[in-house]
Amino acid sequence: MSDLSTRDYEADDIHEMDADERILASLGYKQVGQGATLLLPPPFQQELSRSITAFSNFAISFGCLSILSGLTPLYGTALQSGGTIAVTWGWLIVALLTMFIGLSLAEICSAFPTTGGQLVLLGVAFGYQGMGPPGMLVDWVVQLVGIVAITSTDLSLAQFMTGAITIVNPSFGGTVYIQYGIFALIVILHGMINSVGVRLSGIFNQVSVWWHVLGTLLIIVVALALTPNKASPAFVFGFLDNRTGFENGGYAFLLGLLQSQYTLSGYDAAAHMSEETKQAQKGSPFGILVSIASATIVGWAFLLAVTFCVQDYQTQIVNATYSPAMVQVFMDGVGQNWSIVFCVIIMGGMFFCGSALTLGSSRMVYAFSRDGAMPMSGLLHTLHPKTQSPVFAVWFNIVVALIIGIPFMFSSQAFNAIVSVNTIASSVSYLIPILLRITLARDTFQPGPFNLGKFSVPVGIVASCWISLTSVLFICPTEYPITTGNMNFAVAPFVIVIGISSGYFAIWGRKWFKGPVDNTHVDDSEMIMKTIGSEKIA
């Protein structure tokens, strides 16, 4: 172990710890001394580059939400599962309940503004010495969310691109193999984009915000102006359809909400970017809440505009020639040329979304490998010396996403399963920290600048109930009679991940993985010696 007296630091290597670093120190490091003018040598400096603003944080979260990516592919399916009631009013219902989830997560993020904040909360709830098994499970479930989200978004883009090509060239044979090839190219491009510094990634995602807002506005204005025969308000706000095969209309309506729930996810990316956000205790909660609110407004306007442009429900939705059904609505309403423009806007939104998801997921890999929860952890949490970006973590996501997408070439149900797994895992990753906050950590939780006060527990209860309901819905069958062709296999890969994570912990992980290191009991000088000697930053 090194001695501080034998280590020579240049004057430039010593810096004054700012407010964000003091928060990190309180969560993962033992602070050396007290006050706002702490001078720390390099081992205590944060690894990731803290260079993005609150707006960039919001932009990344809004890009992950991407209403164009979520609403477009599943529009026809949602209409046939619950009618326009499930699409228009259902969007507002889901958005309201999602805001409850966002409020709970924002409060947790404000208290623990770290890339791996879930683990810190687990440490508070279980005690750092007893959190190994739940910590490993949470790590792997959260990581499943990120990688499957990349896969589902980029596969959607590949499918949409082949559909757009068919508009121009009806004889184009966009087989599943061609679609997978396009998907692979898109995923690799996202890996390249996110291998640069986070500041450039932040700018890229700021462009994404304006692309989504202005592009959606253009679609709304042009579609409403050029579509000759508008649907009636009675149809847009009061039409109920049930083509699921289930007699229970209420169940069909709930299935119709899944489109909205699938879209309104991914906003937790704001939390995963905390260690790179300036004034993260305020900036990351801002990113979560403003992205949900913005997506709610823009998404509802988009859904209303498209639904008013449905001229013949049977022809355009039930028996649509083009896929997804929304493209058929565009073709019949505004013609081929404008439909191509709309498709380019939507595909651009999907591309931005996939890139933002790759960025957020790479930070999850980095955080969990830093604590030893991932295979090859030593490599995966290595940062590029110039950009301070976790490049190996980025490409780990790319490789695994490519592997997860392979079944798409061999099963027509694979894409639906990937979408369902994404939403289930996402819901569970939200549920665990919220439940811990309102139960085991209820008395030990120390809120940050953003907190809900006496409303924390009621809001958390509503959020937990909604997450539980939608998680069950996503593993339920969506058509009746149930056959091997329409069976919902979403629960299978989720159970596999739980099994693998449990096995990995039992065989290897239990030997070293304890979650984030609790250094609060360590003497200042001892903390310095341990950190410098091991070069491990908890």
Protein backbone atom coordinates (compact mmCIF):
# COMPACT_ATOMS: atom_id res chain seq x y z
CA MET A 1 0.00 0.00 0.00
CA SER A 2 1.30 3.43 -0.91
CA ASP A 3 2.12 6.17 1.56
CA LEU A 4 0.83 9.64 0.88
CA SER A 5 4.24 11.05 1.68
CA THR A 6 5.76 9.04 -1.15
CA ARG A 7 3.26 10.27 -3.74
CA ASP A 8 4.08 13.55 -5.41
CA TYR A 9 1.20 15.50 -6.91
CA GLU A 10 1.60 18.50 -9.14
CA ALA A 11 -0.30 21.61 -8.20
CA ASP A 12 -2.64 21.07 -11.15
CA ASP A 13 -3.55 17.63 -9.80
CA ILE A 14 -5.01 19.05 -6.60
CA HIS A 15 -8.42 20.64 -6.94
CA GLU A 16 -11.17 22.09 -4.82
CA MET A 17 -14.06 19.67 -4.52
CA ASP A 18 -17.26 21.23 -5.82
CA ALA A 19 -20.81 20.62 -4.61
CA ASP A 20 -21.47 17.72 -7.00
CA GLU A 21 -18.27 15.96 -5.95
CA ARG A 22 -19.13 16.44 -2.29
CA ILE A 23 -22.42 14.64 -2.90
CA LEU A 24 -20.59 11.76 -4.59
CA ALA A 25 -18.13 11.69 -1.71
CA SER A 26 -20.97 11.42 0.78
CA LEU A 27 -22.51 8.53 -1.14
CA GLY A 28 -19.49 6.51 -2.21
CA TYR A 29 -16.44 7.96 -0.48
CA LYS A 30 -15.44 9.01 3.00
CA GLN A 31 -15.04 12.75 2.86
CA VAL A 32 -11.61 13.99 3.98
CA GLY A 33 -12.31 16.79 6.41
CA GLN A 34 -15.31 19.07 6.34
CA GLY A 35 -16.46 22.18 4.53
CA ALA A 36 -16.69 23.43 0.98
CA THR A 37 -12.99 23.95 0.37
CA LEU A 38 -11.75 20.38 0.51
CA LEU A 39 -8.58 19.74 -1.47
CA LEU A 40 -8.44 16.23 -2.90
CA PRO A 41 -5.73 14.41 -4.86
CA PRO A 42 -6.55 12.61 -8.16
CA PRO A 43 -7.84 9.31 -6.71
CA PHE A 44 -10.81 11.22 -5.29
CA GLN A 45 -11.68 13.06 -8.47
CA GLN A 46 -14.78 11.72 -10.17
CA GLU A 47 -14.08 9.58 -13.21
CA LEU A 48 -16.86 10.57 -15.60
CA SER A 49 -16.78 13.99 -17.23
CA ARG A 50 -19.36 16.27 -15.58
CA SER A 51 -20.01 18.43 -18.62
CA ILE A 52 -23.72 18.30 -19.50
CA THR A 53 -26.38 20.78 -18.42
CA ALA A 54 -29.84 20.17 -17.02
CA PHE A 55 -31.28 20.79 -20.50
CA SER A 56 -28.95 18.19 -22.02
CA ASN A 57 -29.99 15.78 -19.29
CA PHE A 58 -33.63 16.44 -20.18
CA ALA A 59 -32.81 16.04 -23.88
CA ILE A 60 -31.36 12.57 -23.31
CA SER A 61 -34.38 11.52 -21.26
CA PHE A 62 -36.82 13.00 -23.79
CA GLY A 63 -34.95 11.21 -26.58
CA CYS A 64 -35.38 7.90 -24.76
CA LEU A 65 -39.12 8.56 -24.38
CA SER A 66 -39.40 9.40 -28.11
CA ILE A 67 -43.11 9.53 -28.83
CA LEU A 68 -42.41 8.95 -32.53
CA SER A 69 -40.62 5.67 -31.75
CA GLY A 70 -43.23 4.36 -29.35
CA LEU A 71 -46.57 5.49 -30.76
CA THR A 72 -46.02 4.80 -34.45
CA PRO A 73 -45.32 1.02 -34.53
CA LEU A 74 -48.12 0.03 -32.13
CA TYR A 75 -50.84 2.49 -33.19
CA GLY A 76 -52.93 -0.01 -35.19
CA THR A 77 -52.60 -2.71 -32.55
CA ALA A 78 -53.76 -0.36 -29.79
CA LEU A 79 -56.81 0.75 -31.81
CA GLN A 80 -57.90 -2.86 -32.32
CA SER A 81 -57.39 -3.62 -28.63
CA GLY A 82 -59.46 -0.81 -27.18
CA GLY A 83 -60.47 1.58 -29.92
CA THR A 84 -59.79 5.29 -29.94
CA ILE A 85 -60.83 5.49 -26.29
CA ALA A 86 -57.77 3.47 -25.32
CA VAL A 87 -55.54 5.55 -27.60
CA THR A 88 -56.66 9.11 -26.82
CA TRP A 89 -58.01 8.99 -23.26
CA GLY A 90 -55.76 6.08 -22.44
CA TRP A 91 -52.70 8.19 -23.22
CA LEU A 92 -53.72 10.79 -20.63
CA ILE A 93 -54.46 8.13 -18.01
CA VAL A 94 -51.09 6.44 -18.51
CA ALA A 95 -49.28 9.79 -18.58
CA LEU A 96 -50.82 10.84 -15.26
CA LEU A 97 -49.87 7.58 -13.57
CA THR A 98 -46.41 7.70 -15.15
CA MET A 99 -45.92 11.12 -13.57
CA PHE A 100 -46.44 9.49 -10.17
CA ILE A 101 -43.60 7.10 -11.01
CA GLY A 102 -41.48 9.99 -12.26
CA LEU A 103 -42.05 11.98 -9.07
CA SER A 104 -40.93 9.05 -6.92
CA LEU A 105 -37.85 8.39 -9.05
CA ALA A 106 -36.98 12.09 -9.16
CA GLU A 107 -37.01 12.23 -5.36
CA ILE A 108 -34.72 9.19 -5.16
CA CYS A 109 -32.44 10.61 -7.85
CA SER A 110 -32.15 13.91 -6.00
CA ALA A 111 -31.02 12.05 -2.88
CA PHE A 112 -28.67 9.69 -4.74
CA PRO A 113 -27.41 11.50 -7.88
CA THR A 114 -25.15 8.67 -9.02
CA THR A 115 -25.08 6.53 -12.15
CA GLY A 116 -25.88 3.49 -9.99
CA GLY A 117 -28.28 5.12 -7.56
CA GLN A 118 -30.36 1.94 -7.19
CA LEU A 119 -27.46 0.21 -5.44
CA VAL A 120 -26.97 3.04 -2.99
CA LEU A 121 -30.65 2.89 -2.05
CA LEU A 122 -30.36 -0.87 -1.61
CA GLY A 123 -27.44 -0.27 0.72
CA VAL A 124 -29.58 2.11 2.77
CA ALA A 125 -32.47 -0.36 2.88
CA PHE A 126 -30.68 -3.67 3.46
CA GLY A 127 -27.43 -2.51 4.99
CA TYR A 128 -24.31 -2.69 2.88
CA GLN A 129 -23.25 -6.07 4.23
CA GLY A 130 -26.54 -7.76 3.37
CA MET A 131 -27.34 -6.42 -0.06
CA GLY A 132 -25.32 -8.81 -2.23
CA PRO A 133 -28.13 -10.98 -3.71
CA PRO A 134 -30.72 -8.20 -4.19
CA GLY A 135 -28.01 -5.87 -5.46
CA MET A 136 -26.89 -8.34 -8.12
CA LEU A 137 -30.50 -8.98 -9.17
CA VAL A 138 -31.33 -5.28 -9.47
CA ASP A 139 -28.14 -4.71 -11.46
CA TRP A 140 -28.98 -7.34 -14.02
CA VAL A 141 -32.65 -6.40 -14.35
CA VAL A 142 -31.77 -2.74 -14.89
CA GLN A 143 -29.14 -3.75 -17.42
CA LEU A 144 -31.69 -5.94 -19.22
CA VAL A 145 -33.89 -2.85 -19.55
CA GLY A 146 -31.20 -0.85 -21.29
CA ILE A 147 -30.06 -3.45 -23.80
CA VAL A 148 -33.53 -4.73 -24.72
CA ALA A 149 -34.70 -1.14 -25.17
CA ILE A 150 -31.90 -0.59 -27.69
CA THR A 151 -32.87 -3.79 -29.50
CA SER A 152 -36.61 -3.05 -29.67
CA THR A 153 -36.12 0.56 -30.81
CA ASP A 154 -33.58 -0.22 -33.51
CA LEU A 155 -35.58 -3.21 -34.75
CA SER A 156 -38.61 -0.92 -35.01
CA LEU A 157 -36.53 1.49 -37.06
CA ALA A 158 -35.33 -1.30 -39.35
CA GLN A 159 -38.92 -2.47 -39.91
CA PHE A 160 -40.10 1.08 -40.53
CA MET A 161 -37.30 1.70 -43.02
CA THR A 162 -38.28 -1.34 -45.07
CA GLY A 163 -41.89 -0.13 -45.01
CA ALA A 164 -40.80 3.32 -46.19
CA ILE A 165 -38.81 1.77 -49.03
CA THR A 166 -41.92 -0.19 -50.03
CA ILE A 167 -43.79 3.11 -50.48
CA VAL A 168 -41.29 4.14 -53.15
CA ASN A 169 -40.67 0.66 -54.54
CA PRO A 170 -43.65 -1.70 -53.96
CA SER A 171 -41.69 -4.65 -55.35
CA PHE A 172 -39.00 -4.32 -52.69
CA GLY A 173 -38.66 -7.56 -50.77
CA GLY A 174 -37.83 -6.47 -47.26
CA THR A 175 -37.26 -9.91 -45.76
CA VAL A 176 -36.50 -10.41 -42.07
CA TYR A 177 -32.87 -11.03 -43.00
CA ILE A 178 -32.63 -7.66 -44.74
CA GLN A 179 -34.34 -6.04 -41.77
CA TYR A 180 -31.84 -7.61 -39.38
CA GLY A 181 -28.97 -6.37 -41.54
CA ILE A 182 -30.37 -2.82 -41.39
CA PHE A 183 -30.84 -3.24 -37.64
CA ALA A 184 -27.20 -4.31 -37.22
CA LEU A 185 -25.97 -1.28 -39.15
CA ILE A 186 -28.10 1.06 -37.02
CA VAL A 187 -26.87 -0.46 -33.76
CA ILE A 188 -23.23 -0.16 -34.83
CA LEU A 189 -23.76 3.50 -35.80
CA HIS A 190 -25.17 4.14 -32.33
CA GLY A 191 -22.07 2.56 -30.83
CA MET A 192 -19.84 4.88 -32.86
CA ILE A 193 -21.85 7.99 -31.92
CA ASN A 194 -21.66 7.20 -28.21
CA SER A 195 -17.95 6.45 -28.21
CA VAL A 196 -17.20 10.19 -28.31
CA GLY A 197 -17.21 12.56 -25.34
CA VAL A 198 -20.44 13.04 -23.43
CA ARG A 199 -20.49 16.76 -24.24
CA LEU A 200 -20.88 15.97 -27.95
CA SER A 201 -23.48 13.34 -27.09
CA GLY A 202 -25.37 16.00 -25.14
CA ILE A 203 -25.41 18.31 -28.16
CA PHE A 204 -26.60 15.42 -30.35
CA ASN A 205 -29.51 14.82 -27.98
CA GLN A 206 -30.38 18.52 -27.88
CA VAL A 207 -30.84 18.31 -31.65
CA SER A 208 -33.08 15.31 -30.95
CA VAL A 209 -35.45 17.45 -28.85
CA TRP A 210 -36.03 19.95 -31.65
CA TRP A 211 -36.29 17.18 -34.24
CA HIS A 212 -39.08 15.55 -32.22
CA VAL A 213 -40.96 18.75 -31.42
CA LEU A 214 -40.71 20.49 -34.79
CA GLY A 215 -41.05 17.26 -36.78
CA THR A 216 -44.16 16.25 -34.87
CA LEU A 217 -45.61 19.75 -35.33
CA LEU A 218 -45.04 19.51 -39.09
CA ILE A 219 -46.80 16.14 -39.25
CA ILE A 220 -49.76 17.48 -37.26
CA VAL A 221 -50.21 20.64 -39.35
CA VAL A 222 -49.76 19.04 -42.78
CA ALA A 223 -51.83 15.93 -42.01
CA LEU A 224 -54.77 17.96 -40.72
CA ALA A 225 -54.53 20.45 -43.58
CA LEU A 226 -54.34 17.95 -46.45
CA THR A 227 -56.43 14.98 -45.32
CA PRO A 228 -59.76 15.50 -47.13
CA ASN A 229 -62.23 13.69 -44.87
CA LYS A 230 -61.66 14.08 -41.14
CA ALA A 231 -63.01 11.68 -38.57
CA SER A 232 -65.75 12.94 -36.27
CA PRO A 233 -65.05 13.89 -32.64
CA ALA A 234 -67.35 11.04 -31.63
CA PHE A 235 -65.00 8.59 -33.34
CA VAL A 236 -61.79 10.17 -32.04
CA PHE A 237 -62.91 10.32 -28.41
CA GLY A 238 -65.58 7.65 -28.09
CA PHE A 239 -64.99 4.67 -30.42
CA LEU A 240 -64.48 1.31 -28.71
CA ASP A 241 -63.19 -1.71 -30.61
CA ASN A 242 -62.24 -5.15 -29.39
CA ARG A 243 -60.65 -7.51 -31.88
CA THR A 244 -58.58 -9.38 -29.31
CA GLY A 245 -60.97 -12.32 -29.11
CA PHE A 246 -61.60 -11.74 -25.41
CA GLU A 247 -65.22 -11.00 -24.50
CA ASN A 248 -64.29 -8.69 -21.63
CA GLY A 249 -64.13 -5.15 -23.03
CA GLY A 250 -62.40 -3.85 -19.92
CA TYR A 251 -59.53 -6.27 -20.41
CA ALA A 252 -59.26 -5.24 -24.07
CA PHE A 253 -59.13 -1.58 -22.99
CA LEU A 254 -56.26 -2.34 -20.61
CA LEU A 255 -54.40 -4.08 -23.43
CA GLY A 256 -54.88 -0.94 -25.51
CA LEU A 257 -53.04 1.06 -22.84
CA LEU A 258 -49.86 -0.92 -23.38
CA GLN A 259 -48.95 1.23 -26.40
CA SER A 260 -48.90 4.29 -24.18
CA GLN A 261 -47.03 2.53 -21.38
CA TYR A 262 -44.40 1.24 -23.81
CA THR A 263 -43.87 4.77 -25.11
CA LEU A 264 -43.77 6.47 -21.70
CA SER A 265 -40.68 4.69 -20.44
CA GLY A 266 -36.96 5.35 -20.56
CA TYR A 267 -37.11 8.66 -18.69
CA ASP A 268 -34.87 7.13 -16.00
CA ALA A 269 -31.98 7.85 -18.38
CA ALA A 270 -31.84 11.25 -16.68
CA ALA A 271 -30.86 9.48 -13.46
CA HIS A 272 -28.22 7.35 -15.17
CA MET A 273 -26.55 10.51 -16.45
CA SER A 274 -26.36 12.06 -12.97
CA GLU A 275 -22.60 11.78 -12.57
CA GLU A 276 -22.14 13.71 -15.81
CA THR A 277 -24.76 16.39 -15.07
CA LYS A 278 -23.94 19.72 -13.47
CA GLN A 279 -25.87 20.32 -10.24
CA ALA A 280 -27.19 16.79 -10.56
CA GLN A 281 -29.40 16.87 -7.46
CA LYS A 282 -31.62 19.35 -9.28
CA GLY A 283 -30.71 18.74 -12.93
CA SER A 284 -31.54 15.02 -13.04
CA PRO A 285 -34.98 15.32 -11.36
CA PHE A 286 -35.65 18.18 -13.78
CA GLY A 287 -34.77 15.87 -16.68
CA ILE A 288 -37.12 13.13 -15.48
CA LEU A 289 -40.17 15.29 -14.81
CA VAL A 290 -39.91 17.72 -17.72
CA SER A 291 -39.36 14.89 -20.21
CA ILE A 292 -42.53 13.13 -19.02
CA ALA A 293 -44.56 16.36 -19.13
CA SER A 294 -43.23 17.33 -22.57
CA ALA A 295 -43.83 13.87 -24.02
CA THR A 296 -47.37 13.91 -22.62
CA ILE A 297 -48.28 17.15 -24.39
CA VAL A 298 -46.54 16.45 -27.70
CA GLY A 299 -47.69 12.82 -27.75
CA TRP A 300 -51.36 13.62 -27.17
CA ALA A 301 -51.35 16.26 -29.90
CA PHE A 302 -49.77 13.74 -32.28
CA LEU A 303 -52.29 11.00 -31.44
CA LEU A 304 -55.26 13.33 -31.85
CA ALA A 305 -54.04 14.61 -35.21
CA VAL A 306 -53.41 11.14 -36.64
CA THR A 307 -56.71 9.78 -35.31
CA PHE A 308 -58.67 12.68 -36.84
CA CYS A 309 -57.05 11.70 -40.17
CA VAL A 310 -58.45 8.14 -40.09
CA GLN A 311 -60.97 8.18 -42.96
CA ASP A 312 -61.89 4.48 -43.17
CA TYR A 313 -61.18 2.44 -40.05
CA GLN A 314 -61.70 -0.95 -41.66
CA THR A 315 -59.47 -0.24 -44.66
CA GLN A 316 -56.76 1.81 -43.01
CA ILE A 317 -56.41 0.07 -39.65
CA VAL A 318 -57.90 -3.42 -39.73
CA ASN A 319 -56.92 -4.31 -43.32
CA ALA A 320 -54.03 -1.91 -43.85
CA THR A 321 -51.81 -2.59 -46.85
CA TYR A 322 -48.83 -0.76 -45.41
CA SER A 323 -47.19 -1.54 -42.11
CA PRO A 324 -47.40 -0.04 -39.56
CA ALA A 325 -51.01 1.06 -39.98
CA MET A 326 -50.16 4.71 -39.37
CA VAL A 327 -48.33 4.76 -42.71
CA GLN A 328 -51.57 3.71 -44.40
CA VAL A 329 -53.35 6.65 -42.75
CA PHE A 330 -50.67 8.99 -44.08
CA MET A 331 -50.75 7.54 -47.61
CA ASP A 332 -54.51 7.88 -47.90
CA GLY A 333 -54.56 11.33 -46.36
CA VAL A 334 -51.57 13.30 -47.68
CA GLY A 335 -50.29 11.19 -50.56
CA GLN A 336 -46.98 9.51 -51.29
CA ASN A 337 -44.61 12.49 -51.23
CA TRP A 338 -45.69 13.86 -47.86
CA SER A 339 -45.89 10.32 -46.47
CA ILE A 340 -42.22 9.87 -47.34
CA VAL A 341 -41.42 13.12 -45.51
CA PHE A 342 -43.39 11.92 -42.48
CA CYS A 343 -41.58 8.59 -42.54
CA VAL A 344 -38.19 10.33 -42.61
CA ILE A 345 -39.20 12.43 -39.58
CA ILE A 346 -40.37 9.34 -37.69
CA MET A 347 -37.26 7.36 -38.62
CA GLY A 348 -35.08 10.25 -37.49
CA GLY A 349 -36.88 10.23 -34.14
CA MET A 350 -36.31 6.50 -33.81
CA PHE A 351 -32.62 6.91 -34.62
CA PHE A 352 -32.20 9.64 -32.00
CA CYS A 353 -34.07 7.47 -29.50
CA GLY A 354 -31.82 4.46 -30.09
CA SER A 355 -28.74 6.62 -29.64
CA ALA A 356 -30.02 8.08 -26.35
CA LEU A 357 -30.86 4.60 -25.08
CA THR A 358 -27.36 3.40 -25.95
CA LEU A 359 -25.88 6.32 -24.04
CA GLY A 360 -27.97 5.68 -20.93
CA SER A 361 -27.46 1.92 -21.00
CA SER A 362 -23.68 2.26 -21.29
CA ARG A 363 -23.68 4.27 -18.06
CA MET A 364 -25.56 1.48 -16.32
CA VAL A 365 -22.95 -1.05 -17.45
CA TYR A 366 -20.22 1.31 -16.26
CA ALA A 367 -21.81 1.80 -12.82
CA PHE A 368 -22.51 -1.86 -12.18
CA SER A 369 -19.13 -3.07 -13.42
CA ARG A 370 -17.49 -0.45 -11.19
CA ASP A 371 -19.03 -2.33 -8.26
CA GLY A 372 -18.08 -5.75 -9.63
CA ALA A 373 -21.59 -6.84 -10.63
CA MET A 374 -20.77 -7.61 -14.28
CA PRO A 375 -18.54 -10.20 -15.94
CA MET A 376 -15.28 -8.56 -17.08
CA SER A 377 -15.99 -5.69 -14.68
CA GLY A 378 -12.40 -4.48 -14.74
CA LEU A 379 -12.59 -3.90 -18.48
CA LEU A 380 -16.16 -2.59 -18.70
CA HIS A 381 -15.69 0.29 -16.28
CA THR A 382 -12.52 1.49 -18.00
CA LEU A 383 -12.79 5.03 -19.35
CA HIS A 384 -11.22 6.45 -22.48
CA PRO A 385 -8.33 8.68 -21.34
CA LYS A 386 -9.36 11.64 -23.51
CA THR A 387 -13.14 11.57 -23.63
CA GLN A 388 -13.72 10.08 -20.14
CA SER A 389 -16.42 7.94 -21.72
CA PRO A 390 -16.93 4.21 -20.93
CA VAL A 391 -16.22 3.03 -24.47
CA PHE A 392 -16.01 -0.68 -23.56
CA ALA A 393 -19.39 -0.42 -21.82
CA VAL A 394 -20.86 1.15 -24.97
CA TRP A 395 -19.71 -1.70 -27.19
CA PHE A 396 -20.77 -4.33 -24.66
CA ASN A 397 -24.32 -3.00 -25.16
CA ILE A 398 -23.92 -3.12 -28.93
CA VAL A 399 -22.75 -6.74 -29.00
CA VAL A 400 -25.47 -7.99 -26.64
CA ALA A 401 -28.18 -6.03 -28.51
CA LEU A 402 -27.10 -7.69 -31.76
CA ILE A 403 -27.36 -11.11 -30.10
CA ILE A 404 -30.80 -10.43 -28.61
CA GLY A 405 -32.06 -9.39 -32.05
CA ILE A 406 -31.13 -12.70 -33.71
CA PRO A 407 -34.43 -14.54 -32.86
CA PHE A 408 -36.27 -11.86 -34.87
CA MET A 409 -35.08 -13.62 -38.04
CA PHE A 410 -36.67 -16.91 -37.03
CA SER A 411 -39.90 -16.07 -35.17
CA SER A 412 -42.73 -13.70 -35.99
CA GLN A 413 -43.44 -13.33 -32.26
CA ALA A 414 -39.86 -12.41 -31.36
CA PHE A 415 -40.34 -8.67 -31.82
CA ASN A 416 -43.47 -8.56 -29.64
CA ALA A 417 -41.63 -10.55 -26.98
CA ILE A 418 -38.69 -8.12 -27.08
CA VAL A 419 -41.06 -5.16 -26.69
CA SER A 420 -42.83 -6.85 -23.78
CA VAL A 421 -39.58 -7.80 -22.04
CA ASN A 422 -38.39 -4.22 -22.39
CA THR A 423 -41.48 -2.85 -20.69
CA ILE A 424 -41.65 -5.51 -17.96
CA ALA A 425 -37.98 -5.14 -17.02
CA SER A 426 -38.31 -1.36 -17.14
CA SER A 427 -41.29 -1.49 -14.79
CA VAL A 428 -39.52 -3.80 -12.34
CA SER A 429 -36.43 -1.58 -12.35
CA TYR A 430 -38.67 1.34 -11.34
CA LEU A 431 -40.68 -0.67 -8.82
CA ILE A 432 -37.77 -1.92 -6.69
CA PRO A 433 -36.30 1.45 -5.65
CA ILE A 434 -39.76 3.00 -5.15
CA LEU A 435 -40.87 0.12 -2.92
CA LEU A 436 -37.65 0.32 -0.92
CA ARG A 437 -38.13 4.06 -0.51
CA ILE A 438 -41.60 3.71 1.02
CA THR A 439 -40.92 0.54 3.07
CA LEU A 440 -37.49 -0.59 4.30
CA ALA A 441 -35.79 2.78 3.75
CA ARG A 442 -38.76 4.86 4.87
CA ASP A 443 -37.12 6.00 8.11
CA THR A 444 -33.50 6.12 6.90
CA PHE A 445 -34.04 7.90 3.58
CA GLN A 446 -32.43 11.34 3.53
CA PRO A 447 -34.14 13.46 0.82
CA GLY A 448 -32.27 15.78 -1.49
CA PRO A 449 -33.26 19.27 -2.69
CA PHE A 450 -36.21 17.82 -4.63
CA ASN A 451 -38.51 15.94 -2.28
CA LEU A 452 -42.21 15.23 -1.98
CA GLY A 453 -42.42 15.73 1.77
CA LYS A 454 -45.51 14.15 3.30
CA PHE A 455 -46.69 13.05 -0.16
CA SER A 456 -43.72 10.72 -0.72
CA VAL A 457 -45.44 7.59 0.57
CA PRO A 458 -48.88 8.16 -1.07
CA VAL A 459 -47.24 8.95 -4.41
CA GLY A 460 -45.00 5.91 -4.06
CA ILE A 461 -47.98 3.65 -3.31
CA VAL A 462 -49.87 4.83 -6.42
CA ALA A 463 -46.73 4.40 -8.54
CA SER A 464 -46.09 0.90 -7.18
CA CYS A 465 -49.67 -0.24 -7.80
CA TRP A 466 -49.63 1.03 -11.39
CA ILE A 467 -46.26 -0.58 -12.11
CA SER A 468 -47.50 -3.89 -10.71
CA LEU A 469 -50.66 -3.80 -12.86
CA THR A 470 -48.87 -3.00 -16.11
CA SER A 471 -46.18 -5.60 -15.42
CA VAL A 472 -48.86 -8.28 -15.13
CA LEU A 473 -50.60 -7.04 -18.28
CA PHE A 474 -47.43 -7.32 -20.32
CA ILE A 475 -47.09 -11.02 -19.57
CA CYS A 476 -50.76 -11.77 -20.24
CA PRO A 477 -52.00 -13.07 -23.61
CA THR A 478 -53.17 -10.38 -26.03
CA GLU A 479 -55.30 -12.58 -28.32
CA TYR A 480 -57.86 -15.34 -27.88
CA PRO A 481 -57.93 -18.24 -28.52
CA ILE A 482 -54.39 -18.66 -27.29
CA THR A 483 -52.09 -20.59 -29.60
CA THR A 484 -48.36 -21.16 -29.87
CA GLY A 485 -48.35 -18.49 -32.56
CA ASN A 486 -49.81 -15.71 -30.39
CA MET A 487 -48.65 -16.88 -26.96
CA ASN A 488 -46.92 -14.16 -24.92
CA PHE A 489 -43.49 -15.54 -24.09
CA ALA A 490 -42.24 -12.31 -22.51
CA VAL A 491 -41.92 -13.80 -19.05
CA ALA A 492 -39.51 -16.50 -20.25
CA PRO A 493 -36.45 -14.34 -21.00
CA PHE A 494 -37.16 -12.30 -17.87
CA VAL A 495 -37.06 -15.46 -15.73
CA ILE A 496 -33.89 -16.56 -17.54
CA VAL A 497 -32.15 -13.31 -16.63
CA ILE A 498 -33.18 -13.71 -12.99
CA GLY A 499 -31.85 -17.28 -13.04
CA ILE A 500 -28.55 -16.31 -14.64
CA SER A 501 -27.99 -13.39 -12.25
CA SER A 502 -28.77 -15.61 -9.25
CA GLY A 503 -26.46 -18.34 -10.52
CA TYR A 504 -23.69 -15.87 -11.30
CA PHE A 505 -23.90 -14.49 -7.77
CA ALA A 506 -24.02 -17.93 -6.13
CA ILE A 507 -20.99 -19.25 -8.03
CA TRP A 508 -18.78 -16.19 -8.50
CA GLY A 509 -20.33 -12.91 -7.42
CA ARG A 510 -20.72 -13.75 -3.73
CA LYS A 511 -16.93 -13.91 -3.44
CA TRP A 512 -16.46 -10.23 -4.14
CA PHE A 513 -19.71 -8.38 -4.83
CA LYS A 514 -21.07 -6.51 -1.81
CA GLY A 515 -22.57 -3.53 -3.61
CA PRO A 516 -21.25 0.01 -3.18
CA VAL A 517 -18.52 0.19 -0.56
CA ASP A 518 -19.62 1.85 2.67
CA ASN A 519 -16.69 4.02 3.67
CA THR A 520 -18.44 6.13 6.26
CA HIS A 521 -16.83 4.21 9.12
CA VAL A 522 -13.28 4.52 7.77
CA ASP A 523 -10.81 7.00 9.21
CA ASP A 524 -9.89 9.83 6.81
CA SER A 525 -6.25 8.83 6.47
CA GLU A 526 -7.17 5.15 6.16
CA MET A 527 -9.64 6.00 3.39
CA ILE A 528 -6.94 7.87 1.48
CA MET A 529 -4.52 4.96 1.84
CA LYS A 530 -7.07 2.35 0.73
CA THR A 531 -8.24 4.34 -2.24
CA ILE A 532 -4.73 5.11 -3.48
CA GLY A 533 -3.50 1.60 -2.82
CA SER A 534 -6.31 -0.17 -4.64
CA GLU A 535 -7.14 2.64 -7.07
CA LYS A 536 -10.79 1.67 -6.57
CA ILE A 537 -13.35 4.41 -6.39
CA ALA A 538 -16.49 3.10 -4.80
